[in-house]
Each structure stands twice: as structure tokens, then as C-alpha cells.
Amino acid sequence: MRKPGIIKIDKIVLECKDPVELSDFYIKLLGWEKGYDNNDFIIIGSETGNIDIGFQKNTDFIAPKWPDVEGEQQMMLHLDFCVAASEHQEWVEYAIYCGAKKADFQYSKDWTVMIDPEGHPFCIDPS
């Protein structure tokens, strides 16, 4: 069977207990704007419009363990944010100011693993 046309990722959706709080964190961190909001599902997007992030309410959400622990909730995905190498540490500090935590365990000194307010890991990657 022939692959039909073009397909693209429209948005990444994060499950969370509080979509309002988590979307507000990412709006502050990224400087993006809220595009859709019904309290249980919120979408934010950048000026470029390349990709959106959605936040979907899940009252049973369990934050993943970082790093992975056998028998515990595993990470399903993480977000990588690229920043100027000269601003890497400043972005780490700003993420903490916005409400993130620096993960206790770091795989590499080349990037920084952070944890958002609901426990999702994300990376700040100097490019």
C-alpha cells in the first residue's frame, strides 16, 4: 500500500492533574500563548506555529520516576528545548524560577534535565 500524502505532528499532549497550572508554567517558561482552554484540555503555541503543547486533565495521573525505577511509573516521553549555549545556565535558572526543579540525576554535562511542576522531565539543551 502506498503511503498517503504528508503527515506532521500537530501537538504533543501531556497528561496532568491540573492543566491550568501546568500550562501556566509552560507559558511562563516558553513565552507562548494559550490557544484553546476548556479547563480540562488546554493548548499553548509559539509564534512560529510549528508545534503546540496540549495539557489534558487526568485525575489518575502518576508522575514518572526519574531516572526510571523498575516497577514504578515510567516516563512516556520528554521534551527537549534548545537554547543558545551561552545562555544555557541562565535558562536553567529561569526554569527553576518558573517552578521547575533540576533533576537530581543528570545523564550528561552536555544538557540539563529538569522536572516540571507535575513531574514530567524535560531537557534544556545548549545548541
C-alpha atoms as a PDB file:
ATOM      1  CA  MET A   1       0.000   0.000   0.000  1.00  0.00           C
ATOM      2  CA  ARG A   2       1.235   3.475  -0.866  1.00  0.00           C
ATOM      3  CA  LYS A   3       1.793   5.969   1.963  1.00  0.00           C
ATOM      4  CA  PRO A   4      -0.771   8.763   1.561  1.00  0.00           C
ATOM      5  CA  GLY A   5       0.418  12.401   1.394  1.00  0.00           C
ATOM      6  CA  ILE A   6       2.182  14.289   4.144  1.00  0.00           C
ATOM      7  CA  ILE A   7       1.665  13.819   7.867  1.00  0.00           C
ATOM      8  CA  LYS A   8       3.003  16.092  10.588  1.00  0.00           C
ATOM      9  CA  ILE A   9       2.935  16.318  14.354  1.00  0.00           C
ATOM     10  CA  ASP A  10       0.398  18.958  15.337  1.00  0.00           C
ATOM     11  CA  LYS A  11       0.877  18.879  19.092  1.00  0.00           C
ATOM     12  CA  ILE A  12       2.429  16.946  21.946  1.00  0.00           C
ATOM     13  CA  VAL A  13      -0.101  16.295  24.729  1.00  0.00           C
ATOM     14  CA  LEU A  14       0.942  15.891  28.357  1.00  0.00           C
ATOM     15  CA  GLU A  15      -1.378  14.164  30.808  1.00  0.00           C
ATOM     16  CA  CYS A  16      -1.596  16.005  34.127  1.00  0.00           C
ATOM     17  CA  LYS A  17      -3.761  16.518  37.199  1.00  0.00           C
ATOM     18  CA  ASP A  18      -4.036  20.298  36.730  1.00  0.00           C
ATOM     19  CA  PRO A  19      -3.920  21.511  33.108  1.00  0.00           C
ATOM     20  CA  VAL A  20      -4.349  25.156  34.146  1.00  0.00           C
ATOM     21  CA  GLU A  21      -1.354  25.134  36.488  1.00  0.00           C
ATOM     22  CA  LEU A  22       0.892  23.142  34.152  1.00  0.00           C
ATOM     23  CA  SER A  23       0.023  25.184  31.062  1.00  0.00           C
ATOM     24  CA  ASP A  24       0.668  28.380  33.047  1.00  0.00           C
ATOM     25  CA  PHE A  25       4.134  27.043  33.932  1.00  0.00           C
ATOM     26  CA  TYR A  26       4.994  26.367  30.268  1.00  0.00           C
ATOM     27  CA  ILE A  27       3.507  29.705  29.148  1.00  0.00           C
ATOM     28  CA  LYS A  28       5.791  31.475  31.614  1.00  0.00           C
ATOM     29  CA  LEU A  29       8.813  29.330  30.701  1.00  0.00           C
ATOM     30  CA  LEU A  30       8.424  29.497  26.923  1.00  0.00           C
ATOM     31  CA  GLY A  31       6.639  32.803  26.432  1.00  0.00           C
ATOM     32  CA  TRP A  32       3.964  31.013  24.395  1.00  0.00           C
ATOM     33  CA  GLU A  33       0.270  31.871  24.311  1.00  0.00           C
ATOM     34  CA  LYS A  34      -2.839  29.941  25.239  1.00  0.00           C
ATOM     35  CA  GLY A  35      -4.772  28.970  22.133  1.00  0.00           C
ATOM     36  CA  TYR A  36      -7.560  26.772  23.496  1.00  0.00           C
ATOM     37  CA  ASP A  37      -8.861  26.353  27.032  1.00  0.00           C
ATOM     38  CA  ASN A  38     -11.764  24.408  28.490  1.00  0.00           C
ATOM     39  CA  ASN A  39     -10.014  23.818  31.855  1.00  0.00           C
ATOM     40  CA  ASP A  40      -9.711  20.055  31.219  1.00  0.00           C
ATOM     41  CA  PHE A  41      -7.753  20.478  27.983  1.00  0.00           C
ATOM     42  CA  ILE A  42      -5.524  23.439  27.196  1.00  0.00           C
ATOM     43  CA  ILE A  43      -3.335  24.078  24.156  1.00  0.00           C
ATOM     44  CA  ILE A  44      -0.451  26.541  24.033  1.00  0.00           C
ATOM     45  CA  GLY A  45       1.526  27.520  20.964  1.00  0.00           C
ATOM     46  CA  SER A  46       4.503  29.520  19.814  1.00  0.00           C
ATOM     47  CA  GLU A  47       4.571  32.457  17.420  1.00  0.00           C
ATOM     48  CA  THR A  48       6.105  30.200  14.761  1.00  0.00           C
ATOM     49  CA  GLY A  49       3.156  27.825  14.965  1.00  0.00           C
ATOM     50  CA  ASN A  50       5.405  24.835  14.277  1.00  0.00           C
ATOM     51  CA  ILE A  51       4.069  22.681  17.105  1.00  0.00           C
ATOM     52  CA  ASP A  52       1.737  23.089  20.070  1.00  0.00           C
ATOM     53  CA  ILE A  53       1.743  21.547  23.528  1.00  0.00           C
ATOM     54  CA  GLY A  54      -1.541  20.284  24.954  1.00  0.00           C
ATOM     55  CA  PHE A  55      -2.321  19.615  28.607  1.00  0.00           C
ATOM     56  CA  GLN A  56      -5.026  17.039  29.258  1.00  0.00           C
ATOM     57  CA  LYS A  57      -6.604  16.507  32.670  1.00  0.00           C
ATOM     58  CA  ASN A  58      -6.172  13.017  34.064  1.00  0.00           C
ATOM     59  CA  THR A  59      -7.174  12.682  37.716  1.00  0.00           C
ATOM     60  CA  ASP A  60      -5.310   9.342  37.854  1.00  0.00           C
ATOM     61  CA  PHE A  61      -2.043  10.831  36.533  1.00  0.00           C
ATOM     62  CA  ILE A  62       1.053   9.465  38.267  1.00  0.00           C
ATOM     63  CA  ALA A  63       4.284  11.364  37.723  1.00  0.00           C
ATOM     64  CA  PRO A  64       7.089   9.273  36.219  1.00  0.00           C
ATOM     65  CA  LYS A  65      10.168   8.399  38.250  1.00  0.00           C
ATOM     66  CA  TRP A  66      13.395   9.990  37.051  1.00  0.00           C
ATOM     67  CA  PRO A  67      15.532   8.149  36.318  1.00  0.00           C
ATOM     68  CA  ASP A  68      13.400   5.085  35.603  1.00  0.00           C
ATOM     69  CA  VAL A  69      12.797   2.725  38.517  1.00  0.00           C
ATOM     70  CA  GLU A  70      11.698  -0.834  37.759  1.00  0.00           C
ATOM     71  CA  GLY A  71       8.093  -1.387  38.804  1.00  0.00           C
ATOM     72  CA  GLU A  72       7.367   2.357  39.060  1.00  0.00           C
ATOM     73  CA  GLN A  73       5.646   4.711  36.609  1.00  0.00           C
ATOM     74  CA  GLN A  74       7.890   5.043  33.550  1.00  0.00           C
ATOM     75  CA  MET A  75       8.452   8.188  31.516  1.00  0.00           C
ATOM     76  CA  MET A  76       6.474   8.041  28.259  1.00  0.00           C
ATOM     77  CA  LEU A  77       8.251  10.981  26.612  1.00  0.00           C
ATOM     78  CA  HIS A  78      10.174  14.103  27.435  1.00  0.00           C
ATOM     79  CA  LEU A  79      10.525  17.498  25.816  1.00  0.00           C
ATOM     80  CA  ASP A  80      13.869  18.890  24.617  1.00  0.00           C
ATOM     81  CA  PHE A  81      14.254  22.658  24.431  1.00  0.00           C
ATOM     82  CA  CYS A  82      17.282  24.001  22.553  1.00  0.00           C
ATOM     83  CA  VAL A  83      18.858  27.238  23.773  1.00  0.00           C
ATOM     84  CA  ALA A  84      21.963  29.226  22.889  1.00  0.00           C
ATOM     85  CA  ALA A  85      24.998  27.635  24.538  1.00  0.00           C
ATOM     86  CA  SER A  86      25.938  30.979  26.073  1.00  0.00           C
ATOM     87  CA  GLU A  87      22.504  31.149  27.785  1.00  0.00           C
ATOM     88  CA  HIS A  88      22.276  27.538  28.983  1.00  0.00           C
ATOM     89  CA  GLN A  89      22.797  28.215  32.703  1.00  0.00           C
ATOM     90  CA  GLU A  90      20.555  31.272  32.565  1.00  0.00           C
ATOM     91  CA  TRP A  91      17.749  29.109  31.116  1.00  0.00           C
ATOM     92  CA  VAL A  92      18.239  26.507  33.863  1.00  0.00           C
ATOM     93  CA  GLU A  93      17.925  29.241  36.494  1.00  0.00           C
ATOM     94  CA  TYR A  94      14.890  30.718  34.734  1.00  0.00           C
ATOM     95  CA  ALA A  95      13.183  27.302  34.596  1.00  0.00           C
ATOM     96  CA  ILE A  96      13.694  26.978  38.356  1.00  0.00           C
ATOM     97  CA  TYR A  97      12.286  30.486  38.828  1.00  0.00           C
ATOM     98  CA  CYS A  98       9.210  29.441  36.800  1.00  0.00           C
ATOM     99  CA  GLY A  99       8.616  26.397  39.034  1.00  0.00           C
ATOM    100  CA  ALA A 100      10.762  23.560  37.649  1.00  0.00           C
ATOM    101  CA  LYS A 101      13.310  21.573  39.634  1.00  0.00           C
ATOM    102  CA  LYS A 102      16.721  20.478  38.427  1.00  0.00           C
ATOM    103  CA  ALA A 103      16.699  16.683  38.398  1.00  0.00           C
ATOM    104  CA  ASP A 104      18.963  15.083  40.991  1.00  0.00           C
ATOM    105  CA  PHE A 105      20.239  12.653  38.357  1.00  0.00           C
ATOM    106  CA  GLN A 106      21.858  14.072  35.213  1.00  0.00           C
ATOM    107  CA  TYR A 107      22.891  11.766  32.345  1.00  0.00           C
ATOM    108  CA  SER A 108      25.374  14.212  30.891  1.00  0.00           C
ATOM    109  CA  LYS A 109      27.047  17.555  31.458  1.00  0.00           C
ATOM    110  CA  ASP A 110      26.095  18.458  27.858  1.00  0.00           C
ATOM    111  CA  TRP A 111      22.442  19.232  28.746  1.00  0.00           C
ATOM    112  CA  THR A 112      20.332  19.678  31.873  1.00  0.00           C
ATOM    113  CA  VAL A 113      17.386  17.502  32.869  1.00  0.00           C
ATOM    114  CA  MET A 114      14.633  19.447  34.607  1.00  0.00           C
ATOM    115  CA  ILE A 115      11.340  18.336  36.185  1.00  0.00           C
ATOM    116  CA  ASP A 116       8.179  20.368  35.599  1.00  0.00           C
ATOM    117  CA  PRO A 117       5.664  21.036  38.423  1.00  0.00           C
ATOM    118  CA  GLU A 118       3.733  17.814  37.682  1.00  0.00           C
ATOM    119  CA  GLY A 119       6.826  15.619  37.402  1.00  0.00           C
ATOM    120  CA  HIS A 120       7.418  15.438  33.627  1.00  0.00           C
ATOM    121  CA  PRO A 121      11.126  15.504  32.743  1.00  0.00           C
ATOM    122  CA  PHE A 122      12.314  17.982  30.122  1.00  0.00           C
ATOM    123  CA  CYS A 123      15.770  18.927  28.907  1.00  0.00           C
ATOM    124  CA  ILE A 124      17.434  22.258  28.326  1.00  0.00           C
ATOM    125  CA  ASP A 125      19.913  21.580  25.559  1.00  0.00           C
ATOM    126  CA  PRO A 126      22.544  24.122  24.559  1.00  0.00           C
ATOM    127  CA  SER A 127      22.880  24.154  20.784  1.00  0.00           C
END
